[in-house]
């Protein structure tokens, strides 16, 4: 798994993994993997999102920063 998806990012969100996956699908070209790492107990969870391509990870990070508090 790690070799196939060497570029990762962690986020804390109230969105479901399915919501984040749909959001990611609209913004990247290559393959990716979304994994719940921790439930924080306050309605939020830590998700790890791994990408096959560095460009996709960088594009996700930029889009996520721009949308912080809006759609993701």
PDB file of N, CA and C in Angstrom:
ATOM      1  N   UNK A   1       0.834  -1.203   0.000  1.00  0.00           N
ATOM      2  CA  UNK A   1       0.000   0.000   0.000  1.00  0.00           C
ATOM      3  C   UNK A   1       0.868   1.252   0.000  1.00  0.00           C
ATOM      4  N   UNK A   2       1.861   1.305   0.871  1.00  0.00           N
ATOM      5  CA  UNK A   2       2.676   2.511   1.001  1.00  0.00           C
ATOM      6  C   UNK A   2       3.382   2.840  -0.303  1.00  0.00           C
ATOM      7  N   UNK A   3       3.905   1.849  -0.972  1.00  0.00           N
ATOM      8  CA  UNK A   3       4.611   2.114  -2.231  1.00  0.00           C
ATOM      9  C   UNK A   3       3.671   2.633  -3.314  1.00  0.00           C
ATOM     10  N   UNK A   4       2.446   2.135  -3.336  1.00  0.00           N
ATOM     11  CA  UNK A   4       1.491   2.555  -4.358  1.00  0.00           C
ATOM     12  C   UNK A   4       0.985   3.971  -4.111  1.00  0.00           C
ATOM     13  N   UNK A   5       0.985   4.397  -2.853  1.00  0.00           N
ATOM     14  CA  UNK A   5       0.479   5.720  -2.473  1.00  0.00           C
ATOM     15  C   UNK A   5       1.484   6.407  -1.549  1.00  0.00           C
ATOM     16  N   UNK A   6       2.617   6.849  -2.087  1.00  0.00           N
ATOM     17  CA  UNK A   6       3.681   7.371  -1.229  1.00  0.00           C
ATOM     18  C   UNK A   6       3.486   8.804  -0.733  1.00  0.00           C
ATOM     19  N   UNK A   7       2.497   9.516  -1.243  1.00  0.00           N
ATOM     20  CA  UNK A   7       2.307  10.924  -0.881  1.00  0.00           C
ATOM     21  C   UNK A   7       1.037  11.075  -0.057  1.00  0.00           C
ATOM     22  N   UNK A   8       1.174  11.508   1.171  1.00  0.00           N
ATOM     23  CA  UNK A   8       0.011  11.583   2.043  1.00  0.00           C
ATOM     24  C   UNK A   8      -0.160  12.912   2.729  1.00  0.00           C
ATOM     25  N   UNK A   9      -1.356  13.093   3.260  1.00  0.00           N
ATOM     26  CA  UNK A   9      -1.698  14.278   4.035  1.00  0.00           C
ATOM     27  C   UNK A   9      -2.736  13.854   5.071  1.00  0.00           C
ATOM     28  N   UNK A  10      -2.693  14.487   6.236  1.00  0.00           N
ATOM     29  CA  UNK A  10      -3.693  14.228   7.274  1.00  0.00           C
ATOM     30  C   UNK A  10      -4.544  15.474   7.453  1.00  0.00           C
ATOM     31  N   UNK A  11      -5.842  15.250   7.676  1.00  0.00           N
ATOM     32  CA  UNK A  11      -6.745  16.363   7.958  1.00  0.00           C
ATOM     33  C   UNK A  11      -7.648  15.985   9.129  1.00  0.00           C
ATOM     34  N   UNK A  12      -8.126  16.994   9.821  1.00  0.00           N
ATOM     35  CA  UNK A  12      -9.158  16.812  10.841  1.00  0.00           C
ATOM     36  C   UNK A  12     -10.420  17.442  10.289  1.00  0.00           C
ATOM     37  N   UNK A  13     -11.517  16.682  10.329  1.00  0.00           N
ATOM     38  CA  UNK A  13     -12.753  17.149   9.703  1.00  0.00           C
ATOM     39  C   UNK A  13     -13.970  16.540  10.384  1.00  0.00           C
ATOM     40  N   UNK A  14     -15.099  17.189  10.204  1.00  0.00           N
ATOM     41  CA  UNK A  14     -16.379  16.652  10.651  1.00  0.00           C
ATOM     42  C   UNK A  14     -17.077  15.898   9.504  1.00  0.00           C
ATOM     43  N   UNK A  15     -16.556  16.027   8.310  1.00  0.00           N
ATOM     44  CA  UNK A  15     -17.116  15.327   7.144  1.00  0.00           C
ATOM     45  C   UNK A  15     -16.849  13.834   7.246  1.00  0.00           C
ATOM     46  N   UNK A  16     -17.697  13.045   6.605  1.00  0.00           N
ATOM     47  CA  UNK A  16     -17.493  11.604   6.580  1.00  0.00           C
ATOM     48  C   UNK A  16     -16.379  11.258   5.585  1.00  0.00           C
ATOM     49  N   UNK A  17     -15.779  10.086   5.738  1.00  0.00           N
ATOM     50  CA  UNK A  17     -14.788   9.675   4.736  1.00  0.00           C
ATOM     51  C   UNK A  17     -15.367   9.658   3.323  1.00  0.00           C
ATOM     52  N   UNK A  18     -16.629   9.268   3.183  1.00  0.00           N
ATOM     53  CA  UNK A  18     -17.264   9.258   1.854  1.00  0.00           C
ATOM     54  C   UNK A  18     -17.370  10.675   1.287  1.00  0.00           C
ATOM     55  N   UNK A  19     -17.699  11.654   2.143  1.00  0.00           N
ATOM     56  CA  UNK A  19     -17.764  13.043   1.685  1.00  0.00           C
ATOM     57  C   UNK A  19     -16.398  13.520   1.206  1.00  0.00           C
ATOM     58  N   UNK A  20     -15.370  13.213   1.978  1.00  0.00           N
ATOM     59  CA  UNK A  20     -14.016  13.626   1.606  1.00  0.00           C
ATOM     60  C   UNK A  20     -13.568  12.912   0.345  1.00  0.00           C
ATOM     61  N   UNK A  21     -13.896  11.630   0.234  1.00  0.00           N
ATOM     62  CA  UNK A  21     -13.520  10.890  -0.968  1.00  0.00           C
ATOM     63  C   UNK A  21     -14.170  11.488  -2.212  1.00  0.00           C
ATOM     64  N   UNK A  22     -15.429  11.860  -2.118  1.00  0.00           N
ATOM     65  CA  UNK A  22     -16.107  12.498  -3.255  1.00  0.00           C
ATOM     66  C   UNK A  22     -15.448  13.826  -3.591  1.00  0.00           C
ATOM     67  N   UNK A  23     -15.077  14.566  -2.561  1.00  0.00           N
ATOM     68  CA  UNK A  23     -14.414  15.862  -2.743  1.00  0.00           C
ATOM     69  C   UNK A  23     -13.063  15.676  -3.416  1.00  0.00           C
ATOM     70  N   UNK A  24     -12.301  14.650  -2.975  1.00  0.00           N
ATOM     71  CA  UNK A  24     -10.992  14.358  -3.557  1.00  0.00           C
ATOM     72  C   UNK A  24     -11.148  13.927  -5.012  1.00  0.00           C
ATOM     73  N   UNK A  25     -12.120  13.075  -5.282  1.00  0.00           N
ATOM     74  CA  UNK A  25     -12.331  12.545  -6.623  1.00  0.00           C
ATOM     75  C   UNK A  25     -12.499  13.665  -7.651  1.00  0.00           C
ATOM     76  N   UNK A  26     -13.114  14.756  -7.246  1.00  0.00           N
ATOM     77  CA  UNK A  26     -13.340  15.884  -8.154  1.00  0.00           C
ATOM     78  C   UNK A  26     -12.076  16.699  -8.407  1.00  0.00           C
ATOM     79  N   UNK A  27     -11.044  16.510  -7.586  1.00  0.00           N
ATOM     80  CA  UNK A  27      -9.883  17.397  -7.630  1.00  0.00           C
ATOM     81  C   UNK A  27      -8.567  16.754  -8.034  1.00  0.00           C
ATOM     82  N   UNK A  28      -8.509  15.458  -8.171  1.00  0.00           N
ATOM     83  CA  UNK A  28      -7.256  14.808  -8.537  1.00  0.00           C
ATOM     84  C   UNK A  28      -7.440  13.944  -9.777  1.00  0.00           C
ATOM     85  N   UNK A  29      -6.331  13.650 -10.437  1.00  0.00           N
ATOM     86  CA  UNK A  29      -6.384  12.845 -11.666  1.00  0.00           C
ATOM     87  C   UNK A  29      -5.985  11.397 -11.428  1.00  0.00           C
ATOM     88  N   UNK A  30      -5.057  11.174 -10.503  1.00  0.00           N
ATOM     89  CA  UNK A  30      -4.547   9.827 -10.264  1.00  0.00           C
ATOM     90  C   UNK A  30      -5.324   9.105  -9.179  1.00  0.00           C
ATOM     91  N   UNK A  31      -4.764   7.997  -8.730  1.00  0.00           N
ATOM     92  CA  UNK A  31      -5.431   7.206  -7.710  1.00  0.00           C
ATOM     93  C   UNK A  31      -5.076   7.717  -6.307  1.00  0.00           C
ATOM     94  N   UNK A  32      -5.915   7.365  -5.364  1.00  0.00           N
ATOM     95  CA  UNK A  32      -5.766   7.843  -3.988  1.00  0.00           C
ATOM     96  C   UNK A  32      -6.423   6.834  -3.058  1.00  0.00           C
ATOM     97  N   UNK A  33      -6.201   7.016  -1.759  1.00  0.00           N
ATOM     98  CA  UNK A  33      -6.761   6.136  -0.741  1.00  0.00           C
ATOM     99  C   UNK A  33      -7.078   6.975   0.489  1.00  0.00           C
ATOM    100  N   UNK A  34      -8.294   6.857   1.013  1.00  0.00           N
ATOM    101  CA  UNK A  34      -8.717   7.611   2.203  1.00  0.00           C
ATOM    102  C   UNK A  34      -8.863   6.629   3.364  1.00  0.00           C
ATOM    103  N   UNK A  35      -8.288   6.986   4.510  1.00  0.00           N
ATOM    104  CA  UNK A  35      -8.310   6.100   5.672  1.00  0.00           C
ATOM    105  C   UNK A  35      -8.605   6.902   6.945  1.00  0.00           C
ATOM    106  N   UNK A  36      -9.524   6.396   7.765  1.00  0.00           N
ATOM    107  CA  UNK A  36      -9.788   7.006   9.074  1.00  0.00           C
ATOM    108  C   UNK A  36      -8.659   6.607  10.001  1.00  0.00           C
ATOM    109  N   UNK A  37      -8.028   7.592  10.623  1.00  0.00           N
ATOM    110  CA  UNK A  37      -6.951   7.287  11.560  1.00  0.00           C
ATOM    111  C   UNK A  37      -7.401   7.379  13.007  1.00  0.00           C
ATOM    112  N   UNK A  38      -8.298   8.327  13.290  1.00  0.00           N
ATOM    113  CA  UNK A  38      -8.702   8.508  14.687  1.00  0.00           C
ATOM    114  C   UNK A  38     -10.044   9.227  14.752  1.00  0.00           C
ATOM    115  N   UNK A  39     -10.924   8.757  15.620  1.00  0.00           N
ATOM    116  CA  UNK A  39     -12.140   9.486  15.947  1.00  0.00           C
ATOM    117  C   UNK A  39     -11.819  10.345  17.161  1.00  0.00           C
ATOM    118  N   UNK A  40     -12.041  11.633  17.056  1.00  0.00           N
ATOM    119  CA  UNK A  40     -11.616  12.561  18.093  1.00  0.00           C
ATOM    120  C   UNK A  40     -12.661  12.760  19.186  1.00  0.00           C
ATOM    121  N   UNK A  41     -13.838  12.207  19.014  1.00  0.00           N
ATOM    122  CA  UNK A  41     -14.844  12.252  20.065  1.00  0.00           C
ATOM    123  C   UNK A  41     -15.661  13.524  20.123  1.00  0.00           C
ATOM    124  N   UNK A  42     -15.357  14.500  19.334  1.00  0.00           N
ATOM    125  CA  UNK A  42     -16.115  15.749  19.313  1.00  0.00           C
ATOM    126  C   UNK A  42     -16.819  15.943  17.975  1.00  0.00           C
ATOM    127  N   UNK A  43     -17.060  14.828  17.284  1.00  0.00           N
ATOM    128  CA  UNK A  43     -17.686  14.893  15.968  1.00  0.00           C
ATOM    129  C   UNK A  43     -16.678  14.988  14.841  1.00  0.00           C
ATOM    130  N   UNK A  44     -15.418  15.153  15.211  1.00  0.00           N
ATOM    131  CA  UNK A  44     -14.366  15.232  14.197  1.00  0.00           C
ATOM    132  C   UNK A  44     -13.598  13.922  14.149  1.00  0.00           C
ATOM    133  N   UNK A  45     -12.918  13.735  13.053  1.00  0.00           N
ATOM    134  CA  UNK A  45     -12.030  12.599  12.904  1.00  0.00           C
ATOM    135  C   UNK A  45     -10.787  13.013  12.139  1.00  0.00           C
ATOM    136  N   UNK A  46      -9.735  12.271  12.353  1.00  0.00           N
ATOM    137  CA  UNK A  46      -8.510  12.480  11.593  1.00  0.00           C
ATOM    138  C   UNK A  46      -8.528  11.490  10.443  1.00  0.00           C
ATOM    139  N   UNK A  47      -8.402  12.017   9.229  1.00  0.00           N
ATOM    140  CA  UNK A  47      -8.338  11.189   8.031  1.00  0.00           C
ATOM    141  C   UNK A  47      -6.955  11.319   7.419  1.00  0.00           C
ATOM    142  N   UNK A  48      -6.449  10.229   6.907  1.00  0.00           N
ATOM    143  CA  UNK A  48      -5.214  10.235   6.127  1.00  0.00           C
ATOM    144  C   UNK A  48      -5.607   9.971   4.684  1.00  0.00           C
ATOM    145  N   UNK A  49      -5.107  10.805   3.795  1.00  0.00           N
ATOM    146  CA  UNK A  49      -5.399  10.648   2.382  1.00  0.00           C
ATOM    147  C   UNK A  49      -4.063  10.465   1.682  1.00  0.00           C
ATOM    148  N   UNK A  50      -3.927   9.347   0.995  1.00  0.00           N
ATOM    149  CA  UNK A  50      -2.688   9.009   0.311  1.00  0.00           C
ATOM    150  C   UNK A  50      -2.902   9.077  -1.195  1.00  0.00           C
ATOM    151  N   UNK A  51      -1.894   9.558  -1.895  1.00  0.00           N
ATOM    152  CA  UNK A  51      -1.977   9.760  -3.339  1.00  0.00           C
ATOM    153  C   UNK A  51      -0.839   9.028  -4.038  1.00  0.00           C
ATOM    154  N   UNK A  52      -1.102   8.564  -5.253  1.00  0.00           N
ATOM    155  CA  UNK A  52      -0.076   7.927  -6.063  1.00  0.00           C
ATOM    156  C   UNK A  52       0.883   8.956  -6.646  1.00  0.00           C
ATOM    157  N   UNK A  53       0.396  10.173  -6.832  1.00  0.00           N
ATOM    158  CA  UNK A  53       1.198  11.221  -7.468  1.00  0.00           C
ATOM    159  C   UNK A  53       1.370  12.424  -6.543  1.00  0.00           C
ATOM    160  N   UNK A  54       2.574  12.958  -6.512  1.00  0.00           N
ATOM    161  CA  UNK A  54       2.855  14.131  -5.683  1.00  0.00           C
ATOM    162  C   UNK A  54       2.033  15.339  -6.130  1.00  0.00           C
ATOM    163  N   UNK A  55       1.850  15.505  -7.425  1.00  0.00           N
ATOM    164  CA  UNK A  55       1.057  16.630  -7.940  1.00  0.00           C
ATOM    165  C   UNK A  55      -0.373  16.591  -7.412  1.00  0.00           C
ATOM    166  N   UNK A  56      -0.957  15.394  -7.314  1.00  0.00           N
ATOM    167  CA  UNK A  56      -2.315  15.270  -6.791  1.00  0.00           C
ATOM    168  C   UNK A  56      -2.363  15.651  -5.315  1.00  0.00           C
ATOM    169  N   UNK A  57      -1.371  15.209  -4.550  1.00  0.00           N
ATOM    170  CA  UNK A  57      -1.327  15.588  -3.138  1.00  0.00           C
ATOM    171  C   UNK A  57      -1.218  17.102  -2.993  1.00  0.00           C
ATOM    172  N   UNK A  58      -0.335  17.702  -3.768  1.00  0.00           N
ATOM    173  CA  UNK A  58      -0.145  19.153  -3.693  1.00  0.00           C
ATOM    174  C   UNK A  58      -1.405  19.905  -4.110  1.00  0.00           C
ATOM    175  N   UNK A  59      -2.089  19.407  -5.149  1.00  0.00           N
ATOM    176  CA  UNK A  59      -3.339  20.032  -5.594  1.00  0.00           C
ATOM    177  C   UNK A  59      -4.417  19.900  -4.521  1.00  0.00           C
ATOM    178  N   UNK A  60      -4.489  18.734  -3.882  1.00  0.00           N
ATOM    179  CA  UNK A  60      -5.453  18.552  -2.801  1.00  0.00           C
ATOM    180  C   UNK A  60      -5.176  19.515  -1.655  1.00  0.00           C
ATOM    181  N   UNK A  61      -3.916  19.608  -1.237  1.00  0.00           N
ATOM    182  CA  UNK A  61      -3.566  20.490  -0.125  1.00  0.00           C
ATOM    183  C   UNK A  61      -3.940  21.935  -0.427  1.00  0.00           C
ATOM    184  N   UNK A  62      -3.655  22.387  -1.632  1.00  0.00           N
ATOM    185  CA  UNK A  62      -3.989  23.759  -2.014  1.00  0.00           C
ATOM    186  C   UNK A  62      -5.501  23.971  -2.031  1.00  0.00           C
ATOM    187  N   UNK A  63      -6.249  23.032  -2.602  1.00  0.00           N
ATOM    188  CA  UNK A  63      -7.707  23.157  -2.668  1.00  0.00           C
ATOM    189  C   UNK A  63      -8.317  23.078  -1.272  1.00  0.00           C
ATOM    190  N   UNK A  64      -7.778  22.219  -0.423  1.00  0.00           N
ATOM    191  CA  UNK A  64      -8.304  22.071   0.931  1.00  0.00           C
ATOM    192  C   UNK A  64      -8.078  23.350   1.729  1.00  0.00           C
ATOM    193  N   UNK A  65      -6.910  23.937   1.610  1.00  0.00           N
ATOM    194  CA  UNK A  65      -6.629  25.203   2.306  1.00  0.00           C
ATOM    195  C   UNK A  65      -7.589  26.303   1.856  1.00  0.00           C
ATOM    196  N   UNK A  66      -7.835  26.381   0.556  1.00  0.00           N
ATOM    197  CA  UNK A  66      -8.746  27.408   0.022  1.00  0.00           C
ATOM    198  C   UNK A  66     -10.175  27.210   0.504  1.00  0.00           C
ATOM    199  N   UNK A  67     -10.579  25.942   0.687  1.00  0.00           N
ATOM    200  CA  UNK A  67     -11.969  25.670   1.041  1.00  0.00           C
ATOM    201  C   UNK A  67     -12.175  25.474   2.539  1.00  0.00           C
ATOM    202  N   UNK A  68     -11.133  25.590   3.328  1.00  0.00           N
ATOM    203  CA  UNK A  68     -11.225  25.353   4.779  1.00  0.00           C
ATOM    204  C   UNK A  68     -12.444  26.071   5.335  1.00  0.00           C
ATOM    205  N   UNK A  69     -13.356  25.290   5.933  1.00  0.00           N
ATOM    206  CA  UNK A  69     -14.560  25.866   6.506  1.00  0.00           C
ATOM    207  C   UNK A  69     -15.703  25.988   5.529  1.00  0.00           C
ATOM    208  N   UNK A  70     -15.481  25.602   4.285  1.00  0.00           N
ATOM    209  CA  UNK A  70     -16.564  25.698   3.293  1.00  0.00           C
ATOM    210  C   UNK A  70     -17.057  24.300   2.947  1.00  0.00           C
ATOM    211  N   UNK A  71     -16.514  23.689   1.889  1.00  0.00           N
ATOM    212  CA  UNK A  71     -17.048  22.420   1.424  1.00  0.00           C
ATOM    213  C   UNK A  71     -16.347  21.193   1.978  1.00  0.00           C
ATOM    214  N   UNK A  72     -15.163  21.334   2.530  1.00  0.00           N
ATOM    215  CA  UNK A  72     -14.462  20.148   3.072  1.00  0.00           C
ATOM    216  C   UNK A  72     -14.147  20.343   4.528  1.00  0.00           C
TER     217      UNK A  72
END
